[in-house]
N, C-alpha and C. Protein backbone atom coordinates (compact mmCIF):
# COMPACT_ATOMS: atom_id res chain seq x y z
N MET A 1 1.02 -1.15 -0.12
CA MET A 1 -0.24 0.03 0.13
C MET A 1 0.93 1.24 -0.05
N PRO A 2 0.56 2.17 -0.58
CA PRO A 2 1.49 3.34 -0.86
C PRO A 2 1.53 3.96 0.44
N ALA A 3 2.58 4.65 0.77
CA ALA A 3 2.87 5.49 1.85
C ALA A 3 2.16 6.99 1.76
N CYS A 4 2.07 7.39 3.02
CA CYS A 4 1.31 8.65 3.21
C CYS A 4 2.43 9.90 2.93
N GLN A 5 1.84 10.69 1.77
CA GLN A 5 2.73 11.96 1.67
C GLN A 5 2.17 13.37 2.34
N THR A 6 3.07 14.02 2.50
CA THR A 6 2.82 15.62 3.08
C THR A 6 3.48 16.35 2.14
N ARG A 7 2.89 17.48 1.99
CA ARG A 7 3.31 18.62 0.81
C ARG A 7 4.21 19.60 1.74
N PRO A 8 5.64 19.78 1.10
CA PRO A 8 6.20 20.71 1.77
C PRO A 8 5.63 22.16 1.57
N VAL A 9 6.24 22.77 2.57
CA VAL A 9 5.49 24.12 2.55
C VAL A 9 6.94 25.01 1.98
N SER A 10 6.47 25.52 0.49
CA SER A 10 7.62 26.34 -0.08
C SER A 10 7.14 27.19 -0.93
N ASP A 11 8.07 28.14 -1.68
CA ASP A 11 7.42 29.24 -2.87
C ASP A 11 7.05 28.36 -3.92
N ARG A 12 8.10 27.27 -4.22
CA ARG A 12 8.03 26.55 -5.56
C ARG A 12 7.25 25.08 -5.16
N GLU A 13 6.63 24.69 -6.24
CA GLU A 13 5.86 23.03 -5.90
C GLU A 13 7.06 22.46 -6.20
N SER A 14 7.05 21.12 -5.38
CA SER A 14 8.01 20.20 -5.49
C SER A 14 7.12 19.15 -6.65
N PRO A 15 7.86 18.56 -7.49
CA PRO A 15 7.29 17.68 -8.37
C PRO A 15 6.36 16.37 -7.47
N ALA A 16 5.35 16.01 -8.02
CA ALA A 16 4.53 14.67 -7.20
C ALA A 16 5.48 13.69 -7.31
N ILE A 17 5.45 12.78 -6.56
CA ILE A 17 6.65 11.75 -6.35
C ILE A 17 5.15 10.41 -6.40
N CYS A 18 5.68 9.15 -7.12
CA CYS A 18 4.74 8.30 -7.19
C CYS A 18 4.47 7.70 -5.64
N ALA A 19 3.41 7.06 -5.43
CA ALA A 19 3.00 6.70 -4.17
C ALA A 19 3.11 5.56 -3.92
N ALA A 20 3.68 4.53 -4.57
CA ALA A 20 4.23 3.14 -4.69
C ALA A 20 5.29 3.34 -3.56
N LYS A 21 5.22 2.40 -2.59
CA LYS A 21 6.28 2.13 -1.65
C LYS A 21 7.61 2.10 -2.18
N GLY A 22 8.70 2.78 -1.90
CA GLY A 22 9.80 2.71 -2.23
C GLY A 22 10.22 3.44 -3.60
N CYS A 23 9.24 3.86 -4.25
CA CYS A 23 9.54 4.65 -5.50
C CYS A 23 9.59 5.80 -5.38
N ARG A 24 10.64 6.69 -6.16
CA ARG A 24 10.87 7.86 -6.11
C ARG A 24 10.64 8.59 -7.36
N ALA A 25 9.95 7.70 -8.37
CA ALA A 25 9.90 8.39 -9.96
C ALA A 25 8.45 9.64 -9.64
N ALA A 26 8.84 10.41 -10.74
CA ALA A 26 7.88 11.51 -10.94
C ALA A 26 6.51 10.97 -11.10
N ALA A 27 5.24 11.29 -10.53
CA ALA A 27 3.94 10.78 -10.61
C ALA A 27 3.54 11.87 -12.01
N ILE A 28 2.89 10.97 -12.32
CA ILE A 28 2.08 11.47 -13.97
C ILE A 28 0.83 11.23 -13.91
N TRP A 29 0.43 10.27 -13.14
CA TRP A 29 -0.99 9.52 -12.94
C TRP A 29 -1.70 9.97 -11.63
N ALA A 30 -3.09 10.16 -11.66
CA ALA A 30 -3.89 10.16 -10.57
C ALA A 30 -4.92 9.03 -10.50
N VAL A 31 -4.63 8.21 -9.82
CA VAL A 31 -5.52 7.21 -9.38
C VAL A 31 -6.51 7.35 -8.60
N VAL A 32 -7.77 7.81 -8.84
CA VAL A 32 -8.66 8.19 -7.92
C VAL A 32 -9.75 7.27 -7.61
N TRP A 33 -9.81 7.20 -5.97
CA TRP A 33 -10.69 6.27 -5.22
C TRP A 33 -11.43 6.57 -4.18
N ASN A 34 -12.34 5.79 -3.86
CA ASN A 34 -13.23 5.88 -2.73
C ASN A 34 -13.52 4.77 -1.83
N ASN A 35 -13.38 4.66 -0.45
CA ASN A 35 -13.76 3.60 0.29
C ASN A 35 -15.26 3.79 0.56
N PRO A 36 -16.30 3.20 -0.02
CA PRO A 36 -17.76 3.59 0.20
C PRO A 36 -18.23 3.21 1.85
N LYS A 37 -17.35 2.33 2.39
CA LYS A 37 -17.88 2.24 3.85
C LYS A 37 -17.30 3.39 4.83
N LEU A 38 -16.41 4.20 4.38
CA LEU A 38 -15.65 5.12 5.07
C LEU A 38 -15.84 6.50 4.37
N HIS A 39 -16.17 6.92 3.34
CA HIS A 39 -16.36 7.83 2.60
C HIS A 39 -17.72 8.43 1.94
N ALA A 40 -17.99 9.48 2.06
CA ALA A 40 -19.35 10.01 1.38
C ALA A 40 -19.10 9.71 0.05
N PRO A 41 -20.08 9.57 -0.66
CA PRO A 41 -19.86 8.98 -2.39
C PRO A 41 -19.11 10.24 -3.23
N ASP A 42 -19.49 11.46 -2.78
CA ASP A 42 -18.85 12.43 -3.52
C ASP A 42 -17.40 12.73 -3.31
N ARG A 43 -16.74 12.12 -1.83
CA ARG A 43 -15.45 12.35 -1.54
C ARG A 43 -14.47 11.54 -2.58
N GLU A 44 -13.21 12.15 -2.89
CA GLU A 44 -12.30 11.34 -3.99
C GLU A 44 -10.90 11.68 -3.04
N LYS A 45 -10.34 10.33 -3.06
CA LYS A 45 -9.05 10.22 -2.54
C LYS A 45 -8.24 9.80 -3.61
N VAL A 46 -7.03 10.59 -3.81
CA VAL A 46 -6.15 10.38 -4.79
C VAL A 46 -4.63 9.64 -4.25
N TRP A 47 -4.30 8.80 -5.22
CA TRP A 47 -2.83 8.42 -4.72
C TRP A 47 -2.37 8.50 -6.34
N VAL A 48 -1.17 9.27 -6.44
CA VAL A 48 -0.54 9.62 -7.61
C VAL A 48 0.78 8.50 -7.84
N ALA A 49 0.75 8.52 -9.24
CA ALA A 49 1.96 7.16 -9.48
C ALA A 49 2.62 7.70 -11.12
N CYS A 50 3.65 6.82 -10.99
CA CYS A 50 4.40 6.70 -12.24
C CYS A 50 4.12 5.80 -13.17
N ASP A 51 4.34 5.61 -14.53
CA ASP A 51 3.63 4.90 -15.24
C ASP A 51 4.13 3.38 -14.82
N GLU A 52 5.07 3.10 -14.37
CA GLU A 52 5.42 1.74 -13.71
C GLU A 52 4.44 1.15 -12.75
N HIS A 53 3.98 2.16 -11.86
CA HIS A 53 3.00 1.74 -10.94
C HIS A 53 1.64 2.06 -11.13
N LYS A 54 1.35 2.87 -12.13
CA LYS A 54 -0.32 2.87 -12.28
C LYS A 54 -1.03 1.75 -12.18
N GLN A 55 -0.76 0.61 -12.96
CA GLN A 55 -1.69 -0.29 -13.26
C GLN A 55 -1.53 -0.95 -11.76
N PRO A 56 -0.50 -1.41 -11.17
CA PRO A 56 -0.69 -1.99 -9.97
C PRO A 56 -1.34 -1.50 -8.84
N LEU A 57 -1.17 -0.15 -8.73
CA LEU A 57 -2.00 0.75 -7.62
C LEU A 57 -3.52 0.67 -8.12
N ALA A 58 -3.91 0.74 -9.36
CA ALA A 58 -5.27 0.89 -9.73
C ALA A 58 -5.79 -0.73 -9.50
N ASP A 59 -5.23 -1.93 -9.67
CA ASP A 59 -5.47 -2.94 -9.58
C ASP A 59 -5.69 -3.37 -8.11
N HIS A 60 -4.70 -2.64 -7.10
CA HIS A 60 -4.86 -2.77 -5.79
C HIS A 60 -6.53 -2.45 -5.22
N LEU A 61 -6.69 -1.11 -5.95
CA LEU A 61 -8.00 -0.27 -5.53
C LEU A 61 -9.14 -1.38 -6.16
N ALA A 62 -9.02 -1.75 -7.34
CA ALA A 62 -10.11 -2.25 -8.25
C ALA A 62 -10.58 -3.37 -7.36
N VAL A 63 -9.60 -4.33 -7.13
CA VAL A 63 -9.89 -5.75 -6.37
C VAL A 63 -10.93 -5.40 -4.98
N ARG A 64 -10.50 -4.25 -4.22
CA ARG A 64 -11.52 -3.87 -3.49
C ARG A 64 -13.00 -3.12 -3.57
N SER A 65 -13.01 -2.77 -4.91
CA SER A 65 -14.35 -2.13 -5.38
C SER A 65 -14.06 -0.50 -5.01
N PHE A 66 -12.92 -0.11 -4.97
CA PHE A 66 -12.53 1.52 -4.41
C PHE A 66 -12.27 2.53 -5.51
N LEU A 67 -11.64 1.58 -6.68
CA LEU A 67 -11.42 2.42 -7.62
C LEU A 67 -12.22 3.29 -8.62
N LYS A 68 -12.24 4.62 -8.81
CA LYS A 68 -13.17 5.62 -9.52
C LYS A 68 -12.77 5.58 -11.12
N ARG A 69 -11.53 5.86 -11.01
CA ARG A 69 -10.87 6.34 -12.34
C ARG A 69 -9.39 6.74 -12.26
N VAL A 70 -8.76 6.45 -13.18
CA VAL A 70 -7.32 6.64 -13.41
C VAL A 70 -7.11 7.71 -14.53
N GLU A 71 -6.44 9.00 -14.19
CA GLU A 71 -6.49 9.94 -15.21
C GLU A 71 -4.83 10.81 -15.02
N PRO A 72 -4.72 11.49 -16.23
CA PRO A 72 -3.30 12.08 -16.27
C PRO A 72 -3.34 13.08 -14.70
N LEU A 73 -2.20 13.20 -14.11
CA LEU A 73 -1.93 14.15 -13.30
C LEU A 73 -2.03 15.66 -13.82
N ARG A 74 -2.82 16.19 -13.46
CA ARG A 74 -2.85 17.75 -13.78
C ARG A 74 -1.86 18.56 -12.97
N ALA A 75 -0.98 19.62 -13.50
CA ALA A 75 -0.04 20.44 -12.72
C ALA A 75 -1.17 21.18 -11.92
N ALA A 76 -0.40 21.74 -10.96
CA ALA A 76 -1.21 22.76 -9.88
C ALA A 76 -1.09 23.83 -10.58
N ASP A 77 -2.37 24.80 -10.47
CA ASP A 77 -2.47 26.15 -11.16
C ASP A 77 -1.47 27.02 -10.36
């Protein structure tokens, strides 16, 4: 399961790092999910992923029926 990440406080945004355990690659995918037992239907949680870990993270969530969608990660505005 991915490790939790906190965002650094700085003037410049740091690139998103893949949420897969031990991976330090730049994230380019948003794996959007929701645990219906814990979250309201409109609440969305996001794991960010690199190309290599996009599918394994999505599969992990899909098996549990948590996966909502996978989409390209948008840059912060």
